[in-house]
Amino acid sequence: MFSIPSSLVPAMAHVPADLLFLALLAVSLALIFAGGTLAKILAFIVVGLVGAVFGGVLVAQYISPQWDVVGVLLGFIIGGLLGMALLSLGVGLVVGYAGYILAGGFGLSSTLALVAGFIFFIIGLVLSSKILKIVTAVAGGVLLFNVLVYFGLGVPVSTLVAVALTLIGLWVQLTSGRRMPKPTATNVGQTSTSSKQRRGTYS
């Protein structure tokens, strides 16, 4: 079952349990259907705010206090982009470490395990966006299962609903970034020729 960390219990003592789990329900659905995007936005905002503070301080100290707003804006943008890059790097590191541990578990030497870990790191770095979507959708599904059990749906029904919504959310996240193919000159020419032929047939 889902449990609230003990450090948060005093601060949440006056929050109704049903209201809390309704909020967790919203969070779980957001993770399932838009977790990858939310993670990137959160990384952009958090690291961007840190960059804004440093940018404002540096510009005010080394250039002019009158230009601190420019430093804040530049720091926020640069920090946000750095946060998104660090997020992808973090996914790559986790996948690489998992590959290293997996290779060591199969009895490979340390050198081969390091090579395998590096290969997995590159794969994780390239596929970080998709991996992030999968991880957030699964995490949202687990959270949803616990919320549904709390509301009394029972383990079997909660499992079916959580699994079904997780699979739907995975499909939504993994297909949301695909773009429709742009029409090429050949396709445009073929379409134009077909239209002329149809007009000639009807006339």
C-alpha atoms as a PDB file:
ATOM      1  CA  MET A   1       0.000   0.000   0.000  1.00  0.00           C
ATOM      2  CA  PHE A   2       0.995   3.610  -0.528  1.00  0.00           C
ATOM      3  CA  SER A   3       2.339   5.233   2.627  1.00  0.00           C
ATOM      4  CA  ILE A   4       3.080   8.874   3.353  1.00  0.00           C
ATOM      5  CA  PRO A   5       6.633   9.626   4.533  1.00  0.00           C
ATOM      6  CA  SER A   6       6.779  10.183   8.277  1.00  0.00           C
ATOM      7  CA  SER A   7       8.400  13.600   7.821  1.00  0.00           C
ATOM      8  CA  LEU A   8       5.276  14.841   6.020  1.00  0.00           C
ATOM      9  CA  VAL A   9       2.772  13.522   8.535  1.00  0.00           C
ATOM     10  CA  PRO A  10       2.814  16.559  10.917  1.00  0.00           C
ATOM     11  CA  ALA A  11       2.329  19.011   8.048  1.00  0.00           C
ATOM     12  CA  MET A  12      -0.535  16.984   6.601  1.00  0.00           C
ATOM     13  CA  ALA A  13      -2.263  16.111   9.851  1.00  0.00           C
ATOM     14  CA  HIS A  14      -5.122  18.537   9.173  1.00  0.00           C
ATOM     15  CA  VAL A  15      -5.604  17.525   5.507  1.00  0.00           C
ATOM     16  CA  PRO A  16      -8.590  15.187   4.950  1.00  0.00           C
ATOM     17  CA  ALA A  17      -7.431  11.793   3.728  1.00  0.00           C
ATOM     18  CA  ASP A  18      -9.967  11.702   0.890  1.00  0.00           C
ATOM     19  CA  LEU A  19      -8.798  15.102  -0.372  1.00  0.00           C
ATOM     20  CA  LEU A  20      -5.183  13.954  -0.222  1.00  0.00           C
ATOM     21  CA  PHE A  21      -5.867  10.810  -2.216  1.00  0.00           C
ATOM     22  CA  LEU A  22      -7.915  12.773  -4.752  1.00  0.00           C
ATOM     23  CA  ALA A  23      -4.836  14.928  -5.278  1.00  0.00           C
ATOM     24  CA  LEU A  24      -2.740  11.768  -5.620  1.00  0.00           C
ATOM     25  CA  LEU A  25      -5.266  10.482  -8.160  1.00  0.00           C
ATOM     26  CA  ALA A  26      -4.739  13.620 -10.243  1.00  0.00           C
ATOM     27  CA  VAL A  27      -0.970  13.246  -9.946  1.00  0.00           C
ATOM     28  CA  SER A  28      -1.097   9.594 -11.000  1.00  0.00           C
ATOM     29  CA  LEU A  29      -3.177  10.390 -14.103  1.00  0.00           C
ATOM     30  CA  ALA A  30      -0.837  13.255 -14.991  1.00  0.00           C
ATOM     31  CA  LEU A  31       2.151  10.931 -14.717  1.00  0.00           C
ATOM     32  CA  ILE A  32       0.458   8.249 -16.810  1.00  0.00           C
ATOM     33  CA  PHE A  33      -0.615  10.500 -19.668  1.00  0.00           C
ATOM     34  CA  ALA A  34       1.999  13.288 -19.610  1.00  0.00           C
ATOM     35  CA  GLY A  35       4.750  12.207 -17.223  1.00  0.00           C
ATOM     36  CA  GLY A  36       7.622  12.656 -19.666  1.00  0.00           C
ATOM     37  CA  THR A  37       6.571  16.194 -20.532  1.00  0.00           C
ATOM     38  CA  LEU A  38       5.938  17.084 -16.886  1.00  0.00           C
ATOM     39  CA  ALA A  39       9.387  15.812 -15.882  1.00  0.00           C
ATOM     40  CA  LYS A  40      11.046  17.984 -18.531  1.00  0.00           C
ATOM     41  CA  ILE A  41       8.993  21.029 -17.536  1.00  0.00           C
ATOM     42  CA  LEU A  42       9.819  20.487 -13.868  1.00  0.00           C
ATOM     43  CA  ALA A  43      13.530  20.103 -14.623  1.00  0.00           C
ATOM     44  CA  PHE A  44      13.453  23.245 -16.759  1.00  0.00           C
ATOM     45  CA  ILE A  45      11.716  25.311 -14.076  1.00  0.00           C
ATOM     46  CA  VAL A  46      13.732  24.077 -11.069  1.00  0.00           C
ATOM     47  CA  VAL A  47      17.182  24.376 -12.649  1.00  0.00           C
ATOM     48  CA  GLY A  48      16.057  27.514 -14.473  1.00  0.00           C
ATOM     49  CA  LEU A  49      15.214  29.208 -11.175  1.00  0.00           C
ATOM     50  CA  VAL A  50      18.641  28.319  -9.817  1.00  0.00           C
ATOM     51  CA  GLY A  51      20.224  29.697 -12.977  1.00  0.00           C
ATOM     52  CA  ALA A  52      18.136  32.865 -12.673  1.00  0.00           C
ATOM     53  CA  VAL A  53      19.472  33.511  -9.176  1.00  0.00           C
ATOM     54  CA  PHE A  54      23.082  32.990 -10.243  1.00  0.00           C
ATOM     55  CA  GLY A  55      22.592  35.005 -13.423  1.00  0.00           C
ATOM     56  CA  GLY A  56      21.122  37.968 -11.566  1.00  0.00           C
ATOM     57  CA  VAL A  57      23.875  37.938  -8.943  1.00  0.00           C
ATOM     58  CA  LEU A  58      26.699  37.646 -11.482  1.00  0.00           C
ATOM     59  CA  VAL A  59      25.378  40.416 -13.731  1.00  0.00           C
ATOM     60  CA  ALA A  60      24.726  42.742 -10.787  1.00  0.00           C
ATOM     61  CA  GLN A  61      28.188  42.106  -9.355  1.00  0.00           C
ATOM     62  CA  TYR A  62      30.369  42.125 -12.476  1.00  0.00           C
ATOM     63  CA  ILE A  63      28.448  44.282 -14.966  1.00  0.00           C
ATOM     64  CA  SER A  64      25.837  46.567 -13.423  1.00  0.00           C
ATOM     65  CA  PRO A  65      22.953  46.220 -10.973  1.00  0.00           C
ATOM     66  CA  GLN A  66      20.747  47.892 -13.582  1.00  0.00           C
ATOM     67  CA  TRP A  67      21.143  44.872 -15.851  1.00  0.00           C
ATOM     68  CA  ASP A  68      20.286  42.258 -13.238  1.00  0.00           C
ATOM     69  CA  VAL A  69      16.929  41.562 -14.931  1.00  0.00           C
ATOM     70  CA  VAL A  70      18.751  40.550 -18.107  1.00  0.00           C
ATOM     71  CA  GLY A  71      20.968  38.264 -16.049  1.00  0.00           C
ATOM     72  CA  VAL A  72      17.928  36.706 -14.405  1.00  0.00           C
ATOM     73  CA  LEU A  73      16.242  36.011 -17.754  1.00  0.00           C
ATOM     74  CA  LEU A  74      19.393  34.620 -19.380  1.00  0.00           C
ATOM     75  CA  GLY A  75      20.177  32.567 -16.303  1.00  0.00           C
ATOM     76  CA  PHE A  76      16.675  31.109 -16.264  1.00  0.00           C
ATOM     77  CA  ILE A  77      16.776  30.134 -19.946  1.00  0.00           C
ATOM     78  CA  ILE A  78      20.299  28.705 -19.826  1.00  0.00           C
ATOM     79  CA  GLY A  79      19.617  26.942 -16.530  1.00  0.00           C
ATOM     80  CA  GLY A  80      16.359  25.481 -17.862  1.00  0.00           C
ATOM     81  CA  LEU A  81      18.029  24.088 -20.962  1.00  0.00           C
ATOM     82  CA  LEU A  82      20.828  22.710 -18.795  1.00  0.00           C
ATOM     83  CA  GLY A  83      18.246  21.074 -16.542  1.00  0.00           C
ATOM     84  CA  MET A  84      16.659  19.259 -19.471  1.00  0.00           C
ATOM     85  CA  ALA A  85      20.088  18.125 -20.655  1.00  0.00           C
ATOM     86  CA  LEU A  86      20.965  16.903 -17.159  1.00  0.00           C
ATOM     87  CA  LEU A  87      17.693  14.994 -17.051  1.00  0.00           C
ATOM     88  CA  SER A  88      18.641  13.086 -20.201  1.00  0.00           C
ATOM     89  CA  LEU A  89      22.142  12.551 -18.825  1.00  0.00           C
ATOM     90  CA  GLY A  90      20.700  11.190 -15.595  1.00  0.00           C
ATOM     91  CA  VAL A  91      18.569   8.685 -17.500  1.00  0.00           C
ATOM     92  CA  GLY A  92      21.628   7.596 -19.458  1.00  0.00           C
ATOM     93  CA  LEU A  93      23.665   7.149 -16.283  1.00  0.00           C
ATOM     94  CA  VAL A  94      20.961   5.046 -14.639  1.00  0.00           C
ATOM     95  CA  VAL A  95      20.617   2.818 -17.711  1.00  0.00           C
ATOM     96  CA  GLY A  96      24.402   2.550 -18.018  1.00  0.00           C
ATOM     97  CA  TYR A  97      24.785   1.554 -14.378  1.00  0.00           C
ATOM     98  CA  ALA A  98      22.017  -1.016 -14.776  1.00  0.00           C
ATOM     99  CA  GLY A  99      23.833  -2.430 -17.799  1.00  0.00           C
ATOM    100  CA  TYR A 100      27.075  -2.596 -15.833  1.00  0.00           C
ATOM    101  CA  ILE A 101      25.409  -4.454 -12.952  1.00  0.00           C
ATOM    102  CA  LEU A 102      23.627  -6.784 -15.371  1.00  0.00           C
ATOM    103  CA  ALA A 103      26.850  -7.612 -17.201  1.00  0.00           C
ATOM    104  CA  GLY A 104      28.604  -8.285 -13.904  1.00  0.00           C
ATOM    105  CA  GLY A 105      25.757 -10.568 -12.887  1.00  0.00           C
ATOM    106  CA  PHE A 106      26.415 -12.707 -15.954  1.00  0.00           C
ATOM    107  CA  GLY A 107      30.005 -13.257 -14.824  1.00  0.00           C
ATOM    108  CA  LEU A 108      31.716 -10.943 -17.319  1.00  0.00           C
ATOM    109  CA  SER A 109      35.045  -9.368 -16.435  1.00  0.00           C
ATOM    110  CA  SER A 110      35.238  -5.827 -15.096  1.00  0.00           C
ATOM    111  CA  THR A 111      36.481  -4.520 -18.435  1.00  0.00           C
ATOM    112  CA  LEU A 112      33.644  -6.112 -20.397  1.00  0.00           C
ATOM    113  CA  ALA A 113      31.154  -4.960 -17.776  1.00  0.00           C
ATOM    114  CA  LEU A 114      32.416  -1.381 -18.176  1.00  0.00           C
ATOM    115  CA  VAL A 115      32.104  -1.660 -21.953  1.00  0.00           C
ATOM    116  CA  ALA A 116      28.557  -2.975 -21.582  1.00  0.00           C
ATOM    117  CA  GLY A 117      27.747  -0.193 -19.145  1.00  0.00           C
ATOM    118  CA  PHE A 118      29.062   2.417 -21.588  1.00  0.00           C
ATOM    119  CA  ILE A 119      26.988   0.925 -24.414  1.00  0.00           C
ATOM    120  CA  PHE A 120      23.897   0.965 -22.221  1.00  0.00           C
ATOM    121  CA  PHE A 121      24.709   4.556 -21.243  1.00  0.00           C
ATOM    122  CA  ILE A 122      24.728   5.620 -24.893  1.00  0.00           C
ATOM    123  CA  ILE A 123      21.471   3.747 -25.516  1.00  0.00           C
ATOM    124  CA  GLY A 124      19.884   5.346 -22.454  1.00  0.00           C
ATOM    125  CA  LEU A 125      21.087   8.781 -23.539  1.00  0.00           C
ATOM    126  CA  VAL A 126      19.661   8.383 -27.042  1.00  0.00           C
ATOM    127  CA  LEU A 127      16.377   6.895 -25.839  1.00  0.00           C
ATOM    128  CA  SER A 128      16.122   9.019 -22.683  1.00  0.00           C
ATOM    129  CA  SER A 129      12.880  10.682 -23.759  1.00  0.00           C
ATOM    130  CA  LYS A 130      11.092   7.385 -24.388  1.00  0.00           C
ATOM    131  CA  ILE A 131      12.553   5.795 -21.256  1.00  0.00           C
ATOM    132  CA  LEU A 132      11.373   8.767 -19.205  1.00  0.00           C
ATOM    133  CA  LYS A 133       7.865   8.408 -20.608  1.00  0.00           C
ATOM    134  CA  ILE A 134       7.793   4.690 -19.814  1.00  0.00           C
ATOM    135  CA  VAL A 135       9.116   5.163 -16.266  1.00  0.00           C
ATOM    136  CA  THR A 136       6.695   7.979 -15.427  1.00  0.00           C
ATOM    137  CA  ALA A 137       3.729   6.070 -16.876  1.00  0.00           C
ATOM    138  CA  VAL A 138       4.581   2.973 -14.832  1.00  0.00           C
ATOM    139  CA  ALA A 139       5.127   5.074 -11.696  1.00  0.00           C
ATOM    140  CA  GLY A 140       1.763   6.745 -12.266  1.00  0.00           C
ATOM    141  CA  GLY A 141       0.145   3.330 -12.705  1.00  0.00           C
ATOM    142  CA  VAL A 142       1.557   2.079  -9.405  1.00  0.00           C
ATOM    143  CA  LEU A 143       0.345   5.223  -7.669  1.00  0.00           C
ATOM    144  CA  LEU A 144      -3.072   4.883  -9.288  1.00  0.00           C
ATOM    145  CA  PHE A 145      -3.351   1.275  -8.101  1.00  0.00           C
ATOM    146  CA  ASN A 146      -2.752   2.325  -4.484  1.00  0.00           C
ATOM    147  CA  VAL A 147      -5.236   5.187  -4.743  1.00  0.00           C
ATOM    148  CA  LEU A 148      -7.946   2.914  -6.175  1.00  0.00           C
ATOM    149  CA  VAL A 149      -7.341   0.331  -3.447  1.00  0.00           C
ATOM    150  CA  TYR A 150      -7.716   3.096  -0.856  1.00  0.00           C
ATOM    151  CA  PHE A 151     -11.086   4.056  -2.334  1.00  0.00           C
ATOM    152  CA  GLY A 152     -12.249   0.452  -1.977  1.00  0.00           C
ATOM    153  CA  LEU A 153     -12.205  -0.867  -5.537  1.00  0.00           C
ATOM    154  CA  GLY A 154     -10.387  -4.020  -4.482  1.00  0.00           C
ATOM    155  CA  VAL A 155      -7.071  -5.396  -5.663  1.00  0.00           C
ATOM    156  CA  PRO A 156      -8.277  -7.223  -8.835  1.00  0.00           C
ATOM    157  CA  VAL A 157     -10.309  -4.280 -10.168  1.00  0.00           C
ATOM    158  CA  SER A 158      -7.636  -1.770  -9.183  1.00  0.00           C
ATOM    159  CA  THR A 159      -5.017  -3.858 -10.963  1.00  0.00           C
ATOM    160  CA  LEU A 160      -7.058  -4.092 -14.160  1.00  0.00           C
ATOM    161  CA  VAL A 161      -7.843  -0.374 -14.200  1.00  0.00           C
ATOM    162  CA  ALA A 162      -4.266   0.638 -13.391  1.00  0.00           C
ATOM    163  CA  VAL A 163      -2.770  -1.665 -16.024  1.00  0.00           C
ATOM    164  CA  ALA A 164      -5.288  -0.590 -18.682  1.00  0.00           C
ATOM    165  CA  LEU A 165      -4.780   3.126 -18.065  1.00  0.00           C
ATOM    166  CA  THR A 166      -1.001   2.675 -17.913  1.00  0.00           C
ATOM    167  CA  LEU A 167      -0.994   0.966 -21.318  1.00  0.00           C
ATOM    168  CA  ILE A 168      -3.231   3.690 -22.758  1.00  0.00           C
ATOM    169  CA  GLY A 169      -1.020   6.368 -21.221  1.00  0.00           C
ATOM    170  CA  LEU A 170       2.089   4.730 -22.666  1.00  0.00           C
ATOM    171  CA  TRP A 171       0.482   4.728 -26.104  1.00  0.00           C
ATOM    172  CA  VAL A 172      -0.517   8.385 -25.741  1.00  0.00           C
ATOM    173  CA  GLN A 173       2.930   9.489 -24.574  1.00  0.00           C
ATOM    174  CA  LEU A 174       4.910   7.451 -27.097  1.00  0.00           C
ATOM    175  CA  THR A 175       2.782   8.568 -30.058  1.00  0.00           C
ATOM    176  CA  SER A 176       2.200  12.197 -29.049  1.00  0.00           C
ATOM    177  CA  GLY A 177       5.550  13.363 -30.402  1.00  0.00           C
ATOM    178  CA  ARG A 178       5.141  11.883 -33.865  1.00  0.00           C
ATOM    179  CA  ARG A 179       4.540  14.330 -36.666  1.00  0.00           C
ATOM    180  CA  MET A 180       2.614  13.832 -39.851  1.00  0.00           C
ATOM    181  CA  PRO A 181       4.940  13.423 -42.854  1.00  0.00           C
ATOM    182  CA  LYS A 182       5.389  16.603 -44.834  1.00  0.00           C
ATOM    183  CA  PRO A 183       4.194  16.512 -48.449  1.00  0.00           C
ATOM    184  CA  THR A 184       7.078  16.177 -50.866  1.00  0.00           C
ATOM    185  CA  ALA A 185       7.324  17.686 -54.319  1.00  0.00           C
ATOM    186  CA  THR A 186       6.693  14.268 -55.868  1.00  0.00           C
ATOM    187  CA  ASN A 187       3.528  13.749 -53.823  1.00  0.00           C
ATOM    188  CA  VAL A 188       2.307  17.236 -54.667  1.00  0.00           C
ATOM    189  CA  GLY A 189       2.929  16.618 -58.354  1.00  0.00           C
ATOM    190  CA  GLN A 190       1.129  13.290 -58.260  1.00  0.00           C
ATOM    191  CA  THR A 191      -1.822  14.851 -56.447  1.00  0.00           C
ATOM    192  CA  SER A 192      -2.004  17.659 -58.992  1.00  0.00           C
ATOM    193  CA  THR A 193      -1.854  15.203 -61.926  1.00  0.00           C
ATOM    194  CA  SER A 194      -4.576  13.037 -60.389  1.00  0.00           C
ATOM    195  CA  SER A 195      -6.797  16.086 -59.906  1.00  0.00           C
ATOM    196  CA  LYS A 196      -6.340  17.123 -63.536  1.00  0.00           C
ATOM    197  CA  GLN A 197      -7.139  13.605 -64.721  1.00  0.00           C
ATOM    198  CA  ARG A 198     -10.321  13.535 -62.639  1.00  0.00           C
ATOM    199  CA  ARG A 199     -11.388  16.929 -63.992  1.00  0.00           C
ATOM    200  CA  GLY A 200     -10.726  15.693 -67.549  1.00  0.00           C
ATOM    201  CA  THR A 201     -12.824  12.613 -66.936  1.00  0.00           C
ATOM    202  CA  TYR A 202     -15.798  14.562 -65.612  1.00  0.00           C
ATOM    203  CA  SER A 203     -15.638  17.187 -68.402  1.00  0.00           C
END
